[in-house]
N, C-alpha and C. Protein backbone atom coordinates (compact mmCIF):
# COMPACT_ATOMS: atom_id res chain seq x y z
N UNK A 1 1.08 -1.19 0.02
CA UNK A 1 0.11 -0.05 0.15
C UNK A 1 0.72 1.13 -0.03
N UNK A 2 0.62 1.90 -0.64
CA UNK A 2 1.27 3.66 -0.49
C UNK A 2 0.98 4.32 1.07
N UNK A 3 2.20 5.11 0.96
CA UNK A 3 2.12 6.42 2.24
C UNK A 3 0.49 6.35 2.22
N UNK A 4 0.50 6.51 3.33
CA UNK A 4 -0.63 7.04 3.81
C UNK A 4 -1.75 6.43 3.40
N UNK A 5 -2.02 5.16 3.13
CA UNK A 5 -3.07 4.75 2.44
C UNK A 5 -3.37 3.60 3.07
N UNK A 6 -4.83 2.96 3.66
CA UNK A 6 -5.15 2.28 4.41
C UNK A 6 -6.29 1.08 3.56
N UNK A 7 -6.36 0.00 3.32
CA UNK A 7 -7.62 -0.51 2.59
C UNK A 7 -7.94 -1.86 3.82
N UNK A 8 -9.30 -1.91 3.72
CA UNK A 8 -10.39 -2.58 4.70
C UNK A 8 -11.01 -3.45 4.24
N UNK A 9 -10.44 -4.65 3.95
CA UNK A 9 -11.59 -5.84 3.58
C UNK A 9 -12.44 -6.81 4.35
N UNK A 10 -13.66 -6.73 4.15
CA UNK A 10 -14.71 -7.49 4.69
C UNK A 10 -15.34 -9.22 3.99
N UNK A 11 -14.12 -9.44 3.13
CA UNK A 11 -14.35 -10.65 3.01
C UNK A 11 -13.44 -11.38 2.81
N UNK A 12 -13.13 -12.62 3.77
CA UNK A 12 -11.83 -13.54 3.99
C UNK A 12 -11.22 -13.55 2.29
N UNK A 13 -9.73 -13.77 2.25
CA UNK A 13 -8.88 -14.23 1.34
C UNK A 13 -10.15 -15.23 0.43
N UNK A 14 -10.09 -15.57 -0.89
CA UNK A 14 -10.79 -15.78 -1.30
C UNK A 14 -12.24 -16.49 -1.43
N UNK A 15 -13.26 -15.55 -0.80
CA UNK A 15 -14.19 -15.83 -0.45
C UNK A 15 -14.97 -14.55 -1.50
N UNK A 16 -16.57 -15.05 -1.42
CA UNK A 16 -17.05 -13.82 -1.80
C UNK A 16 -18.26 -13.09 -0.55
N UNK A 17 -18.86 -12.00 -1.25
CA UNK A 17 -19.29 -10.88 -0.27
C UNK A 17 -20.56 -10.86 -0.93
N UNK A 18 -21.41 -11.07 0.28
CA UNK A 18 -23.04 -10.98 -0.32
C UNK A 18 -23.14 -9.35 -0.41
N UNK A 19 -23.85 -9.61 -1.96
CA UNK A 19 -24.45 -8.20 -2.21
C UNK A 19 -25.26 -7.55 -1.21
N UNK A 20 -25.84 -7.88 -0.69
CA UNK A 20 -26.89 -6.93 0.52
C UNK A 20 -25.71 -7.02 1.55
N UNK A 21 -24.38 -7.20 2.26
CA UNK A 21 -23.68 -6.82 3.06
C UNK A 21 -23.09 -5.84 2.58
N UNK A 22 -22.78 -5.99 0.66
CA UNK A 22 -21.81 -4.93 0.34
C UNK A 22 -22.06 -3.22 0.19
N UNK A 23 -23.97 -3.56 -0.02
CA UNK A 23 -24.64 -2.40 -0.05
C UNK A 23 -24.30 -1.43 1.00
N UNK A 24 -24.69 -2.52 2.56
CA UNK A 24 -23.97 -2.05 3.76
C UNK A 24 -22.96 -0.97 3.92
N UNK A 25 -22.03 -1.62 3.50
CA UNK A 25 -20.58 -1.37 3.73
C UNK A 25 -20.65 0.15 2.70
N UNK A 26 -21.17 0.15 1.43
CA UNK A 26 -21.00 1.58 0.13
C UNK A 26 -21.96 2.30 1.09
N UNK A 27 -23.06 2.11 1.48
CA UNK A 27 -23.50 2.97 2.17
C UNK A 27 -23.65 3.46 3.66
N UNK A 28 -22.10 3.05 4.10
CA UNK A 28 -22.10 2.90 5.78
C UNK A 28 -23.21 3.54 6.57
N UNK A 29 -24.18 2.29 6.40
CA UNK A 29 -24.71 2.29 7.45
C UNK A 29 -24.36 2.18 8.75
N UNK A 30 -25.71 1.68 9.56
CA UNK A 30 -25.41 1.27 10.96
C UNK A 30 -24.51 0.26 10.93
N UNK A 31 -25.18 -1.12 10.08
CA UNK A 31 -24.34 -1.87 10.05
C UNK A 31 -22.97 -2.12 10.21
N UNK A 32 -22.54 -1.47 8.59
CA UNK A 32 -20.94 -0.78 8.84
C UNK A 32 -20.68 -0.28 9.73
N UNK A 33 -21.38 0.35 11.05
CA UNK A 33 -20.11 0.56 12.11
C UNK A 33 -20.28 -0.25 12.84
N UNK A 34 -20.83 -1.71 12.46
CA UNK A 34 -20.82 -2.88 13.51
C UNK A 34 -20.11 -3.63 12.57
N UNK A 35 -19.51 -3.59 12.02
CA UNK A 35 -19.06 -4.41 11.12
C UNK A 35 -17.60 -4.30 11.49
N UNK A 36 -16.60 -5.40 11.32
CA UNK A 36 -15.21 -5.65 11.61
C UNK A 36 -14.64 -6.12 10.16
N UNK A 37 -13.23 -5.88 9.96
CA UNK A 37 -12.79 -6.08 8.71
C UNK A 37 -12.35 -7.01 8.83
N UNK A 38 -11.94 -8.21 7.98
CA UNK A 38 -11.21 -9.28 7.92
C UNK A 38 -10.19 -9.46 7.89
N UNK A 39 -9.66 -8.50 6.83
CA UNK A 39 -8.52 -8.08 6.89
C UNK A 39 -7.75 -6.25 6.87
N UNK A 40 -6.97 -5.78 7.79
CA UNK A 40 -6.25 -4.27 7.30
C UNK A 40 -5.27 -4.63 6.72
N UNK A 41 -4.95 -3.68 5.29
CA UNK A 41 -3.32 -3.59 5.10
C UNK A 41 -2.95 -2.22 5.20
N UNK A 42 -2.24 -1.82 5.43
CA UNK A 42 -1.67 -0.21 6.11
C UNK A 42 -0.72 0.08 4.79
N UNK A 43 -0.15 1.21 5.28
CA UNK A 43 1.14 1.91 4.36
C UNK A 43 2.17 1.08 4.12
N UNK A 44 2.75 0.89 3.32
CA UNK A 44 4.02 0.12 3.01
C UNK A 44 3.79 -1.29 3.00
N UNK A 45 2.55 -1.77 3.58
CA UNK A 45 2.35 -3.25 3.06
C UNK A 45 1.67 -3.84 2.47
N UNK A 46 2.29 -5.51 2.38
CA UNK A 46 2.14 -5.88 0.81
C UNK A 46 0.51 -6.17 0.88
N UNK A 47 0.20 -6.52 0.19
CA UNK A 47 -1.42 -6.92 -0.42
C UNK A 47 -1.38 -7.70 -1.68
N UNK A 48 -2.39 -9.27 -1.75
CA UNK A 48 -2.76 -9.55 -3.08
C UNK A 48 -3.01 -8.07 -3.55
N UNK A 49 -2.72 -8.88 -5.39
CA UNK A 49 -3.05 -7.40 -6.32
C UNK A 49 -4.64 -8.10 -6.66
N UNK A 50 -5.37 -7.76 -6.56
CA UNK A 50 -6.68 -8.29 -6.17
C UNK A 50 -7.32 -7.68 -7.99
N UNK A 51 -7.84 -8.28 -8.77
CA UNK A 51 -8.71 -7.47 -9.91
C UNK A 51 -10.18 -7.09 -9.32
N UNK A 52 -10.69 -5.81 -9.79
CA UNK A 52 -11.97 -5.24 -9.15
C UNK A 52 -12.40 -5.38 -10.68
N UNK A 53 -13.77 -5.89 -10.71
CA UNK A 53 -14.12 -6.14 -11.72
C UNK A 53 -15.80 -5.01 -11.89
N UNK A 54 -16.22 -4.76 -12.93
CA UNK A 54 -17.74 -4.04 -13.04
C UNK A 54 -18.69 -4.63 -12.33
N UNK A 55 -19.47 -4.06 -11.43
CA UNK A 55 -20.75 -4.70 -10.62
C UNK A 55 -21.79 -5.15 -11.24
N UNK A 56 -21.23 -6.33 -12.04
CA UNK A 56 -22.47 -7.12 -12.82
C UNK A 56 -23.92 -7.69 -12.16
N UNK A 57 -24.95 -6.93 -12.26
CA UNK A 57 -26.12 -7.61 -11.36
C UNK A 57 -25.92 -7.33 -10.02
N UNK A 58 -25.48 -6.15 -9.86
CA UNK A 58 -25.42 -6.25 -8.56
C UNK A 58 -25.76 -4.80 -8.30
N UNK A 59 -26.66 -4.67 -6.72
CA UNK A 59 -27.34 -3.39 -6.15
C UNK A 59 -26.34 -2.75 -5.34
N UNK A 60 -26.10 -1.63 -6.43
CA UNK A 60 -24.86 -0.71 -5.81
C UNK A 60 -25.51 0.77 -5.23
N UNK A 61 -24.88 0.65 -4.02
CA UNK A 61 -26.06 1.95 -2.71
C UNK A 61 -25.75 2.92 -3.02
N UNK A 62 -26.20 4.18 -2.98
CA UNK A 62 -25.64 5.32 -3.30
C UNK A 62 -25.67 6.27 -1.97
N UNK A 63 -24.61 6.51 -1.86
CA UNK A 63 -24.25 7.59 -0.29
C UNK A 63 -23.91 8.97 -0.64
N UNK A 64 -24.77 9.95 -0.09
CA UNK A 64 -24.37 11.40 -0.36
C UNK A 64 -23.18 11.49 0.60
N UNK A 65 -22.75 10.91 1.31
CA UNK A 65 -21.34 10.74 2.93
C UNK A 65 -20.35 9.96 2.10
N UNK A 66 -20.10 9.05 1.29
CA UNK A 66 -19.51 7.90 0.37
C UNK A 66 -18.77 8.53 -1.00
N UNK A 67 -17.69 8.79 -0.96
CA UNK A 67 -17.09 8.77 -2.17
C UNK A 67 -16.57 7.61 -2.70
N UNK A 68 -17.70 7.10 -3.72
CA UNK A 68 -17.59 5.51 -4.22
C UNK A 68 -16.79 5.37 -5.57
N UNK A 69 -16.27 4.31 -5.87
CA UNK A 69 -15.22 3.87 -6.55
C UNK A 69 -15.74 2.82 -7.63
N UNK A 70 -16.53 3.41 -8.52
CA UNK A 70 -17.19 1.48 -9.68
C UNK A 70 -15.60 1.92 -10.45
N UNK A 71 -15.55 1.03 -11.22
CA UNK A 71 -14.92 0.49 -12.42
C UNK A 71 -16.06 0.03 -13.68
N UNK A 72 -15.75 0.19 -15.04
CA UNK A 72 -16.17 0.24 -16.17
C UNK A 72 -15.36 -1.43 -16.65
N UNK A 73 -14.28 -1.56 -15.93
CA UNK A 73 -13.62 -3.16 -16.83
C UNK A 73 -12.93 -3.27 -15.58
N UNK A 74 -12.47 -4.72 -16.12
CA UNK A 74 -11.47 -4.73 -14.79
C UNK A 74 -9.72 -4.06 -14.40
N UNK A 75 -10.03 -3.66 -13.58
CA UNK A 75 -8.65 -3.13 -12.85
C UNK A 75 -7.88 -3.48 -11.92
N UNK A 76 -6.39 -3.77 -11.39
CA UNK A 76 -6.24 -4.33 -10.83
C UNK A 76 -5.81 -3.55 -9.26
N UNK A 77 -5.26 -3.79 -8.47
CA UNK A 77 -5.70 -3.24 -7.09
C UNK A 77 -4.19 -2.02 -7.44
N UNK A 78 -3.29 -2.90 -7.86
CA UNK A 78 -1.94 -1.95 -7.94
C UNK A 78 -2.37 -0.59 -8.96
N UNK A 79 -3.12 -0.95 -10.00
CA UNK A 79 -3.82 0.56 -10.71
C UNK A 79 -4.88 1.31 -9.79
N UNK A 80 -5.54 1.04 -9.37
CA UNK A 80 -6.52 1.48 -8.25
C UNK A 80 -5.64 2.30 -7.30
N UNK A 81 -4.81 1.77 -6.55
CA UNK A 81 -3.71 2.46 -5.53
C UNK A 81 -3.05 3.91 -6.27
N UNK A 82 -2.95 3.98 -7.46
CA UNK A 82 -1.75 5.30 -8.14
C UNK A 82 -2.95 6.00 -8.66
N UNK A 83 -4.40 5.93 -8.16
CA UNK A 83 -5.45 6.70 -8.50
C UNK A 83 -5.28 8.23 -7.33
N UNK A 84 -5.17 9.01 -7.27
CA UNK A 84 -4.99 10.42 -6.51
C UNK A 84 -6.15 10.39 -5.91
N UNK A 85 -7.23 9.88 -5.83
CA UNK A 85 -8.24 9.91 -5.44
C UNK A 85 -7.96 8.47 -3.96
N UNK A 86 -7.45 7.55 -3.99
CA UNK A 86 -7.21 6.62 -3.40
C UNK A 86 -6.14 6.77 -2.51
N UNK A 87 -4.85 7.14 -3.18
CA UNK A 87 -3.45 7.78 -2.13
C UNK A 87 -3.40 8.18 -1.13
N UNK A 88 -3.67 7.96 0.02
CA UNK A 88 -3.33 8.88 1.13
C UNK A 88 -4.72 8.98 1.94
N UNK A 89 -5.80 7.98 1.62
CA UNK A 89 -6.87 7.93 2.15
C UNK A 89 -7.30 6.37 2.48
N UNK A 90 -8.19 6.06 3.50
CA UNK A 90 -8.63 4.74 3.70
C UNK A 90 -9.45 4.40 2.89
N UNK A 91 -9.51 3.29 2.66
CA UNK A 91 -10.51 2.73 1.22
C UNK A 91 -10.82 1.45 2.17
N UNK A 92 -12.63 1.35 1.84
CA UNK A 92 -13.29 0.29 2.62
C UNK A 92 -14.29 -0.93 1.20
N UNK A 93 -12.95 -2.07 0.97
CA UNK A 93 -13.24 -3.17 0.08
C UNK A 93 -14.82 -3.46 -0.28
N UNK A 94 -15.57 -3.15 -0.45
CA UNK A 94 -16.92 -3.78 -1.04
C UNK A 94 -17.37 -4.93 -1.79
N UNK A 95 -16.08 -5.63 -2.16
CA UNK A 95 -16.48 -6.19 -3.24
C UNK A 95 -15.41 -7.73 -2.97
N UNK A 96 -15.84 -8.74 -3.31
CA UNK A 96 -15.34 -9.82 -3.36
C UNK A 96 -14.08 -10.40 -3.14
N UNK A 97 -13.26 -11.04 -2.91
CA UNK A 97 -11.92 -11.47 -3.03
C UNK A 97 -12.01 -13.03 -3.28
N UNK A 98 -12.52 -13.56 -4.43
CA UNK A 98 -12.91 -14.20 -4.61
C UNK A 98 -11.72 -15.14 -5.48
N UNK A 99 -10.80 -15.93 -5.75
CA UNK A 99 -9.92 -16.44 -6.55
C UNK A 99 -10.27 -17.03 -7.91
N UNK A 100 -10.30 -16.43 -9.10
CA UNK A 100 -10.80 -17.29 -9.92
C UNK A 100 -9.53 -18.08 -11.02
N UNK A 101 -8.97 -19.36 -10.70
CA UNK A 101 -7.82 -20.03 -11.34
C UNK A 101 -8.04 -20.19 -12.24
N UNK A 102 -7.16 -20.34 -13.74
CA UNK A 102 -7.52 -20.75 -14.46
C UNK A 102 -6.86 -22.42 -14.88
N UNK A 103 -7.22 -22.97 -15.54
CA UNK A 103 -6.97 -24.49 -15.98
C UNK A 103 -5.76 -24.33 -16.85
N UNK A 104 -4.88 -24.87 -16.10
CA UNK A 104 -3.46 -24.96 -17.14
C UNK A 104 -2.73 -26.21 -17.37
N UNK A 105 -3.58 -27.07 -17.03
CA UNK A 105 -2.66 -28.87 -17.31
C UNK A 105 -2.20 -29.61 -16.14
N UNK A 106 -1.81 -30.65 -16.22
CA UNK A 106 -1.32 -31.38 -15.61
C UNK A 106 -1.95 -31.98 -14.49
N UNK A 107 -1.17 -32.74 -13.55
CA UNK A 107 -1.69 -34.19 -12.79
C UNK A 107 -2.51 -33.32 -12.24
N UNK A 108 -3.57 -33.71 -11.59
CA UNK A 108 -4.57 -33.28 -10.50
C UNK A 108 -4.03 -34.39 -9.07
N UNK A 109 -4.11 -33.44 -8.03
CA UNK A 109 -3.10 -33.65 -6.99
C UNK A 109 -4.00 -33.18 -5.65
N UNK A 110 -3.84 -34.44 -5.05
CA UNK A 110 -5.10 -34.45 -3.85
C UNK A 110 -6.43 -34.73 -3.87
């Protein structure tokens, strides 16, 4: 993470986030105040380079008090944190952290 930037994740690594809970995060509702992030990554700390995809068939909640960042196409976290709107701020990741692995062949193990 860049200097002064902290990101809060509310789903476990490799897990989905319910659309309804994502909406609570997006609107910073009373439920948001009670929620605890599953992981916090602070300035200078390493973080997986997740890809954020457009919100396909999701109910994005608007809030006048929240600067929301939605994307029109896939973008990596490394790209996102270069945006001046994100650098030096606290960010709340209201998205899944699902890992989509591509099949590359080889032997099945386990």
